[in-house]
Amino acid sequence: MIPRNRRLAIAIEAGRCAHDHLGCTCGGDEATHSERSQEIGDARSPELVECPECGEPSNPLPIVNWGHCRVCRTADSRAKSPLRW
């Protein structure tokens, strides 16, 4: 028996989506979810694309999720909150 004081999984909470961690902003809307799922599915291809910020080749999934490549995202986060040693 599952204890009743546990939180529900994200996928079954009202208005949440199982693809929230991939940037799905559907909010429970099926049409928006199917469009976003198609974008994410297409972005999982093995071919590389150019990052719109730096022009370097990158996997398409980070560009669909963040708008730029992983290197640009890391540089952006380091500019906002630098590492402290």
PDB file of N, CA and C in Angstrom:
ATOM      1  N   MET A   1       0.847  -1.183   0.000  1.00  0.00           N
ATOM      2  CA  MET A   1       0.000   0.000   0.000  1.00  0.00           C
ATOM      3  C   MET A   1       0.890   1.244   0.000  1.00  0.00           C
ATOM      4  N   ILE A   2       0.518   2.250  -0.793  1.00  0.00           N
ATOM      5  CA  ILE A   2       1.266   3.492  -0.909  1.00  0.00           C
ATOM      6  C   ILE A   2       0.790   4.459   0.174  1.00  0.00           C
ATOM      7  N   PRO A   3       1.720   5.036   0.932  1.00  0.00           N
ATOM      8  CA  PRO A   3       1.310   6.011   1.948  1.00  0.00           C
ATOM      9  C   PRO A   3       0.620   7.218   1.306  1.00  0.00           C
ATOM     10  N   ARG A   4      -0.391   7.730   1.922  1.00  0.00           N
ATOM     11  CA  ARG A   4      -1.178   8.834   1.372  1.00  0.00           C
ATOM     12  C   ARG A   4      -0.546  10.205   1.608  1.00  0.00           C
ATOM     13  N   ASN A   5       0.499  10.288   2.411  1.00  0.00           N
ATOM     14  CA  ASN A   5       1.108  11.586   2.676  1.00  0.00           C
ATOM     15  C   ASN A   5       2.206  11.924   1.666  1.00  0.00           C
ATOM     16  N   ARG A   6       2.431  11.067   0.677  1.00  0.00           N
ATOM     17  CA  ARG A   6       3.422  11.352  -0.358  1.00  0.00           C
ATOM     18  C   ARG A   6       2.854  12.306  -1.393  1.00  0.00           C
ATOM     19  N   ARG A   7       3.722  13.114  -1.982  1.00  0.00           N
ATOM     20  CA  ARG A   7       3.298  14.011  -3.041  1.00  0.00           C
ATOM     21  C   ARG A   7       3.044  13.235  -4.313  1.00  0.00           C
ATOM     22  N   LEU A   8       2.179  13.750  -5.152  1.00  0.00           N
ATOM     23  CA  LEU A   8       1.919  13.137  -6.442  1.00  0.00           C
ATOM     24  C   LEU A   8       3.087  13.387  -7.382  1.00  0.00           C
ATOM     25  N   ALA A   9       3.294  12.482  -8.317  1.00  0.00           N
ATOM     26  CA  ALA A   9       4.321  12.681  -9.334  1.00  0.00           C
ATOM     27  C   ALA A   9       3.927  13.849 -10.223  1.00  0.00           C
ATOM     28  N   ILE A  10       4.892  14.512 -10.791  1.00  0.00           N
ATOM     29  CA  ILE A  10       4.625  15.687 -11.619  1.00  0.00           C
ATOM     30  C   ILE A  10       3.687  15.349 -12.769  1.00  0.00           C
ATOM     31  N   ALA A  11       3.847  14.169 -13.344  1.00  0.00           N
ATOM     32  CA  ALA A  11       3.069  13.815 -14.523  1.00  0.00           C
ATOM     33  C   ALA A  11       1.575  13.739 -14.246  1.00  0.00           C
ATOM     34  N   ILE A  12       1.169  13.524 -12.991  1.00  0.00           N
ATOM     35  CA  ILE A  12      -0.263  13.407 -12.723  1.00  0.00           C
ATOM     36  C   ILE A  12      -0.821  14.587 -11.949  1.00  0.00           C
ATOM     37  N   GLU A  13      -0.007  15.601 -11.684  1.00  0.00           N
ATOM     38  CA  GLU A  13      -0.533  16.806 -11.059  1.00  0.00           C
ATOM     39  C   GLU A  13      -1.313  17.596 -12.099  1.00  0.00           C
ATOM     40  N   ALA A  14      -2.398  18.201 -11.705  1.00  0.00           N
ATOM     41  CA  ALA A  14      -3.223  18.963 -12.642  1.00  0.00           C
ATOM     42  C   ALA A  14      -2.445  20.133 -13.221  1.00  0.00           C
ATOM     43  N   GLY A  15      -2.518  20.293 -14.533  1.00  0.00           N
ATOM     44  CA  GLY A  15      -1.859  21.411 -15.191  1.00  0.00           C
ATOM     45  C   GLY A  15      -0.373  21.238 -15.386  1.00  0.00           C
ATOM     46  N   ARG A  16       0.176  20.090 -15.060  1.00  0.00           N
ATOM     47  CA  ARG A  16       1.604  19.850 -15.247  1.00  0.00           C
ATOM     48  C   ARG A  16       1.798  18.815 -16.339  1.00  0.00           C
ATOM     49  N   CYS A  17       2.970  18.745 -16.865  1.00  0.00           N
ATOM     50  CA  CYS A  17       3.268  17.862 -17.983  1.00  0.00           C
ATOM     51  C   CYS A  17       4.472  17.003 -17.636  1.00  0.00           C
ATOM     52  N   ALA A  18       4.519  15.806 -18.164  1.00  0.00           N
ATOM     53  CA  ALA A  18       5.654  14.918 -17.925  1.00  0.00           C
ATOM     54  C   ALA A  18       6.916  15.430 -18.609  1.00  0.00           C
ATOM     55  N   HIS A  19       6.771  16.370 -19.556  1.00  0.00           N
ATOM     56  CA  HIS A  19       7.922  16.930 -20.260  1.00  0.00           C
ATOM     57  C   HIS A  19       8.286  18.322 -19.754  1.00  0.00           C
ATOM     58  N   ASP A  20       7.866  18.688 -18.545  1.00  0.00           N
ATOM     59  CA  ASP A  20       8.219  19.995 -17.982  1.00  0.00           C
ATOM     60  C   ASP A  20       9.725  20.199 -17.938  1.00  0.00           C
ATOM     61  N   HIS A  21      10.458  19.142 -17.606  1.00  0.00           N
ATOM     62  CA  HIS A  21      11.915  19.261 -17.499  1.00  0.00           C
ATOM     63  C   HIS A  21      12.563  19.511 -18.857  1.00  0.00           C
ATOM     64  N   LEU A  22      11.848  19.271 -19.954  1.00  0.00           N
ATOM     65  CA  LEU A  22      12.359  19.545 -21.293  1.00  0.00           C
ATOM     66  C   LEU A  22      11.863  20.887 -21.824  1.00  0.00           C
ATOM     67  N   GLY A  23      11.211  21.645 -20.978  1.00  0.00           N
ATOM     68  CA  GLY A  23      10.769  22.978 -21.360  1.00  0.00           C
ATOM     69  C   GLY A  23       9.382  23.025 -21.972  1.00  0.00           C
ATOM     70  N   CYS A  24       8.568  22.005 -21.756  1.00  0.00           N
ATOM     71  CA  CYS A  24       7.210  22.012 -22.296  1.00  0.00           C
ATOM     72  C   CYS A  24       6.371  22.997 -21.492  1.00  0.00           C
ATOM     73  N   THR A  25       5.761  23.926 -22.183  1.00  0.00           N
ATOM     74  CA  THR A  25       4.968  24.969 -21.538  1.00  0.00           C
ATOM     75  C   THR A  25       3.481  24.794 -21.827  1.00  0.00           C
ATOM     76  N   CYS A  26       3.049  23.541 -21.986  1.00  0.00           N
ATOM     77  CA  CYS A  26       1.667  23.297 -22.403  1.00  0.00           C
ATOM     78  C   CYS A  26       0.653  23.662 -21.324  1.00  0.00           C
ATOM     79  N   GLY A  27       0.981  23.482 -20.055  1.00  0.00           N
ATOM     80  CA  GLY A  27       0.047  23.777 -18.975  1.00  0.00           C
ATOM     81  C   GLY A  27      -1.201  22.929 -19.035  1.00  0.00           C
ATOM     82  N   GLY A  28      -1.108  21.740 -19.621  1.00  0.00           N
ATOM     83  CA  GLY A  28      -2.245  20.842 -19.713  1.00  0.00           C
ATOM     84  C   GLY A  28      -2.996  20.933 -21.028  1.00  0.00           C
ATOM     85  N   ASP A  29      -2.641  21.886 -21.909  1.00  0.00           N
ATOM     86  CA  ASP A  29      -3.297  22.031 -23.205  1.00  0.00           C
ATOM     87  C   ASP A  29      -2.738  20.999 -24.177  1.00  0.00           C
ATOM     88  N   GLU A  30      -3.603  20.132 -24.686  1.00  0.00           N
ATOM     89  CA  GLU A  30      -3.165  19.018 -25.529  1.00  0.00           C
ATOM     90  C   GLU A  30      -2.582  19.485 -26.866  1.00  0.00           C
ATOM     91  N   ALA A  31      -3.150  20.519 -27.486  1.00  0.00           N
ATOM     92  CA  ALA A  31      -2.653  21.010 -28.775  1.00  0.00           C
ATOM     93  C   ALA A  31      -1.249  21.582 -28.625  1.00  0.00           C
ATOM     94  N   THR A  32      -1.030  22.401 -27.606  1.00  0.00           N
ATOM     95  CA  THR A  32       0.290  22.974 -27.355  1.00  0.00           C
ATOM     96  C   THR A  32       1.288  21.876 -27.031  1.00  0.00           C
ATOM     97  N   HIS A  33       0.850  20.875 -26.263  1.00  0.00           N
ATOM     98  CA  HIS A  33       1.737  19.770 -25.901  1.00  0.00           C
ATOM     99  C   HIS A  33       2.159  18.970 -27.130  1.00  0.00           C
ATOM    100  N   SER A  34       1.237  18.720 -28.037  1.00  0.00           N
ATOM    101  CA  SER A  34       1.601  17.936 -29.224  1.00  0.00           C
ATOM    102  C   SER A  34       2.577  18.702 -30.107  1.00  0.00           C
ATOM    103  N   GLU A  35       2.412  20.031 -30.222  1.00  0.00           N
ATOM    104  CA  GLU A  35       3.370  20.838 -30.985  1.00  0.00           C
ATOM    105  C   GLU A  35       4.753  20.787 -30.349  1.00  0.00           C
ATOM    106  N   ARG A  36       4.802  20.980 -29.037  1.00  0.00           N
ATOM    107  CA  ARG A  36       6.087  20.984 -28.328  1.00  0.00           C
ATOM    108  C   ARG A  36       6.741  19.608 -28.375  1.00  0.00           C
ATOM    109  N   SER A  37       5.949  18.548 -28.252  1.00  0.00           N
ATOM    110  CA  SER A  37       6.495  17.198 -28.325  1.00  0.00           C
ATOM    111  C   SER A  37       7.093  16.926 -29.706  1.00  0.00           C
ATOM    112  N   GLN A  38       6.441  17.455 -30.734  1.00  0.00           N
ATOM    113  CA  GLN A  38       6.969  17.297 -32.097  1.00  0.00           C
ATOM    114  C   GLN A  38       8.298  18.030 -32.247  1.00  0.00           C
ATOM    115  N   GLU A  39       8.399  19.252 -31.707  1.00  0.00           N
ATOM    116  CA  GLU A  39       9.656  20.010 -31.753  1.00  0.00           C
ATOM    117  C   GLU A  39      10.773  19.251 -31.051  1.00  0.00           C
ATOM    118  N   ILE A  40      10.482  18.727 -29.863  1.00  0.00           N
ATOM    119  CA  ILE A  40      11.489  18.001 -29.092  1.00  0.00           C
ATOM    120  C   ILE A  40      11.875  16.718 -29.807  1.00  0.00           C
ATOM    121  N   GLY A  41      10.910  16.022 -30.384  1.00  0.00           N
ATOM    122  CA  GLY A  41      11.199  14.803 -31.128  1.00  0.00           C
ATOM    123  C   GLY A  41      12.084  15.062 -32.337  1.00  0.00           C
ATOM    124  N   ASP A  42      11.804  16.154 -33.055  1.00  0.00           N
ATOM    125  CA  ASP A  42      12.626  16.514 -34.211  1.00  0.00           C
ATOM    126  C   ASP A  42      14.032  16.930 -33.788  1.00  0.00           C
ATOM    127  N   ALA A  43      14.158  17.526 -32.617  1.00  0.00           N
ATOM    128  CA  ALA A  43      15.459  18.008 -32.144  1.00  0.00           C
ATOM    129  C   ALA A  43      16.361  16.888 -31.642  1.00  0.00           C
ATOM    130  N   ARG A  44      15.842  15.696 -31.500  1.00  0.00           N
ATOM    131  CA  ARG A  44      16.661  14.575 -31.038  1.00  0.00           C
ATOM    132  C   ARG A  44      17.405  13.892 -32.179  1.00  0.00           C
ATOM    133  N   SER A  45      17.453  14.506 -33.331  1.00  0.00           N
ATOM    134  CA  SER A  45      18.170  13.925 -34.467  1.00  0.00           C
ATOM    135  C   SER A  45      19.672  14.002 -34.219  1.00  0.00           C
ATOM    136  N   PRO A  46      20.435  13.095 -34.812  1.00  0.00           N
ATOM    137  CA  PRO A  46      21.887  13.073 -34.566  1.00  0.00           C
ATOM    138  C   PRO A  46      22.665  14.163 -35.296  1.00  0.00           C
ATOM    139  N   GLU A  47      22.041  14.877 -36.235  1.00  0.00           N
ATOM    140  CA  GLU A  47      22.777  15.892 -36.986  1.00  0.00           C
ATOM    141  C   GLU A  47      22.971  17.159 -36.155  1.00  0.00           C
ATOM    142  N   LEU A  48      24.040  17.861 -36.419  1.00  0.00           N
ATOM    143  CA  LEU A  48      24.367  19.087 -35.690  1.00  0.00           C
ATOM    144  C   LEU A  48      23.797  20.294 -36.411  1.00  0.00           C
ATOM    145  N   VAL A  49      23.480  21.329 -35.646  1.00  0.00           N
ATOM    146  CA  VAL A  49      23.007  22.604 -36.191  1.00  0.00           C
ATOM    147  C   VAL A  49      23.876  23.718 -35.608  1.00  0.00           C
ATOM    148  N   GLU A  50      23.810  24.888 -36.214  1.00  0.00           N
ATOM    149  CA  GLU A  50      24.590  26.027 -35.720  1.00  0.00           C
ATOM    150  C   GLU A  50      23.869  26.713 -34.573  1.00  0.00           C
ATOM    151  N   CYS A  51      24.631  27.090 -33.566  1.00  0.00           N
ATOM    152  CA  CYS A  51      24.078  27.875 -32.457  1.00  0.00           C
ATOM    153  C   CYS A  51      23.816  29.292 -32.956  1.00  0.00           C
ATOM    154  N   PRO A  52      22.633  29.847 -32.692  1.00  0.00           N
ATOM    155  CA  PRO A  52      22.349  31.207 -33.161  1.00  0.00           C
ATOM    156  C   PRO A  52      23.185  32.286 -32.472  1.00  0.00           C
ATOM    157  N   GLU A  53      23.770  31.997 -31.305  1.00  0.00           N
ATOM    158  CA  GLU A  53      24.579  32.998 -30.608  1.00  0.00           C
ATOM    159  C   GLU A  53      26.033  32.977 -31.044  1.00  0.00           C
ATOM    160  N   CYS A  54      26.659  31.785 -30.978  1.00  0.00           N
ATOM    161  CA  CYS A  54      28.095  31.725 -31.240  1.00  0.00           C
ATOM    162  C   CYS A  54      28.440  31.135 -32.605  1.00  0.00           C
ATOM    163  N   GLY A  55      27.490  30.471 -33.258  1.00  0.00           N
ATOM    164  CA  GLY A  55      27.734  29.912 -34.582  1.00  0.00           C
ATOM    165  C   GLY A  55      28.434  28.563 -34.582  1.00  0.00           C
ATOM    166  N   GLU A  56      28.735  28.023 -33.421  1.00  0.00           N
ATOM    167  CA  GLU A  56      29.391  26.724 -33.329  1.00  0.00           C
ATOM    168  C   GLU A  56      28.379  25.601 -33.535  1.00  0.00           C
ATOM    169  N   PRO A  57      28.830  24.443 -34.033  1.00  0.00           N
ATOM    170  CA  PRO A  57      27.905  23.316 -34.176  1.00  0.00           C
ATOM    171  C   PRO A  57      27.462  22.788 -32.816  1.00  0.00           C
ATOM    172  N   SER A  58      26.194  22.422 -32.724  1.00  0.00           N
ATOM    173  CA  SER A  58      25.623  21.955 -31.464  1.00  0.00           C
ATOM    174  C   SER A  58      24.526  20.949 -31.751  1.00  0.00           C
ATOM    175  N   ASN A  59      24.187  20.167 -30.739  1.00  0.00           N
ATOM    176  CA  ASN A  59      23.019  19.306 -30.839  1.00  0.00           C
ATOM    177  C   ASN A  59      21.785  20.197 -30.888  1.00  0.00           C
ATOM    178  N   PRO A  60      20.745  19.790 -31.615  1.00  0.00           N
ATOM    179  CA  PRO A  60      19.567  20.656 -31.731  1.00  0.00           C
ATOM    180  C   PRO A  60      18.712  20.749 -30.467  1.00  0.00           C
ATOM    181  N   LEU A  61      18.765  19.753 -29.582  1.00  0.00           N
ATOM    182  CA  LEU A  61      17.901  19.771 -28.396  1.00  0.00           C
ATOM    183  C   LEU A  61      18.172  20.957 -27.469  1.00  0.00           C
ATOM    184  N   PRO A  62      19.432  21.290 -27.137  1.00  0.00           N
ATOM    185  CA  PRO A  62      19.638  22.488 -26.301  1.00  0.00           C
ATOM    186  C   PRO A  62      19.167  23.776 -26.973  1.00  0.00           C
ATOM    187  N   ILE A  63      19.269  23.844 -28.273  1.00  0.00           N
ATOM    188  CA  ILE A  63      18.832  25.055 -28.971  1.00  0.00           C
ATOM    189  C   ILE A  63      17.319  25.181 -28.914  1.00  0.00           C
ATOM    190  N   VAL A  64      16.600  24.067 -29.021  1.00  0.00           N
ATOM    191  CA  VAL A  64      15.136  24.101 -28.898  1.00  0.00           C
ATOM    192  C   VAL A  64      14.741  24.464 -27.471  1.00  0.00           C
ATOM    193  N   ASN A  65      15.446  23.924 -26.473  1.00  0.00           N
ATOM    194  CA  ASN A  65      15.089  24.170 -25.077  1.00  0.00           C
ATOM    195  C   ASN A  65      15.502  25.549 -24.591  1.00  0.00           C
ATOM    196  N   TRP A  66      16.738  25.955 -24.869  1.00  0.00           N
ATOM    197  CA  TRP A  66      17.290  27.180 -24.280  1.00  0.00           C
ATOM    198  C   TRP A  66      17.434  28.327 -25.253  1.00  0.00           C
ATOM    199  N   GLY A  67      17.449  28.044 -26.549  1.00  0.00           N
ATOM    200  CA  GLY A  67      17.645  29.089 -27.539  1.00  0.00           C
ATOM    201  C   GLY A  67      19.094  29.246 -27.959  1.00  0.00           C
ATOM    202  N   HIS A  68      20.007  28.516 -27.306  1.00  0.00           N
ATOM    203  CA  HIS A  68      21.412  28.525 -27.678  1.00  0.00           C
ATOM    204  C   HIS A  68      22.069  27.242 -27.193  1.00  0.00           C
ATOM    205  N   CYS A  69      23.356  27.063 -27.488  1.00  0.00           N
ATOM    206  CA  CYS A  69      24.041  25.802 -27.170  1.00  0.00           C
ATOM    207  C   CYS A  69      24.429  25.728 -25.692  1.00  0.00           C
ATOM    208  N   ARG A  70      24.927  24.590 -25.293  1.00  0.00           N
ATOM    209  CA  ARG A  70      25.316  24.355 -23.895  1.00  0.00           C
ATOM    210  C   ARG A  70      26.466  25.277 -23.473  1.00  0.00           C
ATOM    211  N   VAL A  71      27.403  25.494 -24.367  1.00  0.00           N
ATOM    212  CA  VAL A  71      28.546  26.357 -24.043  1.00  0.00           C
ATOM    213  C   VAL A  71      28.079  27.785 -23.775  1.00  0.00           C
ATOM    214  N   CYS A  72      27.166  28.284 -24.610  1.00  0.00           N
ATOM    215  CA  CYS A  72      26.638  29.640 -24.398  1.00  0.00           C
ATOM    216  C   CYS A  72      25.830  29.722 -23.107  1.00  0.00           C
ATOM    217  N   ARG A  73      25.091  28.656 -22.797  1.00  0.00           N
ATOM    218  CA  ARG A  73      24.312  28.647 -21.555  1.00  0.00           C
ATOM    219  C   ARG A  73      25.225  28.671 -20.338  1.00  0.00           C
ATOM    220  N   THR A  74      26.315  27.893 -20.395  1.00  0.00           N
ATOM    221  CA  THR A  74      27.268  27.885 -19.288  1.00  0.00           C
ATOM    222  C   THR A  74      27.927  29.255 -19.133  1.00  0.00           C
ATOM    223  N   ALA A  75      28.325  29.859 -20.245  1.00  0.00           N
ATOM    224  CA  ALA A  75      28.947  31.178 -20.188  1.00  0.00           C
ATOM    225  C   ALA A  75      27.978  32.217 -19.642  1.00  0.00           C
ATOM    226  N   ASP A  76      26.715  32.116 -20.041  1.00  0.00           N
ATOM    227  CA  ASP A  76      25.707  33.052 -19.569  1.00  0.00           C
ATOM    228  C   ASP A  76      25.484  32.903 -18.065  1.00  0.00           C
ATOM    229  N   SER A  77      25.415  31.659 -17.586  1.00  0.00           N
ATOM    230  CA  SER A  77      25.201  31.463 -16.154  1.00  0.00           C
ATOM    231  C   SER A  77      26.416  31.896 -15.345  1.00  0.00           C
ATOM    232  N   ARG A  78      27.622  31.708 -15.880  1.00  0.00           N
ATOM    233  CA  ARG A  78      28.834  32.140 -15.170  1.00  0.00           C
ATOM    234  C   ARG A  78      28.926  33.661 -15.122  1.00  0.00           C
ATOM    235  N   ALA A  79      28.407  34.332 -16.156  1.00  0.00           N
ATOM    236  CA  ALA A  79      28.420  35.793 -16.155  1.00  0.00           C
ATOM    237  C   ALA A  79      27.452  36.326 -15.093  1.00  0.00           C
ATOM    238  N   LYS A  80      26.321  35.625 -14.914  1.00  0.00           N
ATOM    239  CA  LYS A  80      25.316  36.082 -13.943  1.00  0.00           C
ATOM    240  C   LYS A  80      25.708  35.759 -12.514  1.00  0.00           C
ATOM    241  N   SER A  81      26.253  34.569 -12.295  1.00  0.00           N
ATOM    242  CA  SER A  81      26.661  34.189 -10.931  1.00  0.00           C
ATOM    243  C   SER A  81      27.986  33.422 -11.022  1.00  0.00           C
ATOM    244  N   PRO A  82      29.102  34.136 -10.964  1.00  0.00           N
ATOM    245  CA  PRO A  82      30.412  33.499 -11.094  1.00  0.00           C
ATOM    246  C   PRO A  82      30.696  32.493  -9.967  1.00  0.00           C
ATOM    247  N   LEU A  83      31.525  31.532 -10.296  1.00  0.00           N
ATOM    248  CA  LEU A  83      31.935  30.539  -9.305  1.00  0.00           C
ATOM    249  C   LEU A  83      32.796  31.208  -8.243  1.00  0.00           C
ATOM    250  N   ARG A  84      32.630  30.804  -7.016  1.00  0.00           N
ATOM    251  CA  ARG A  84      33.440  31.361  -5.922  1.00  0.00           C
ATOM    252  C   ARG A  84      34.280  30.236  -5.343  1.00  0.00           C
ATOM    253  N   TRP A  85      35.531  30.489  -5.207  1.00  0.00           N
ATOM    254  CA  TRP A  85      36.448  29.436  -4.682  1.00  0.00           C
ATOM    255  C   TRP A  85      36.853  29.734  -3.287  1.00  0.00           C
TER     256      TRP A  85
END
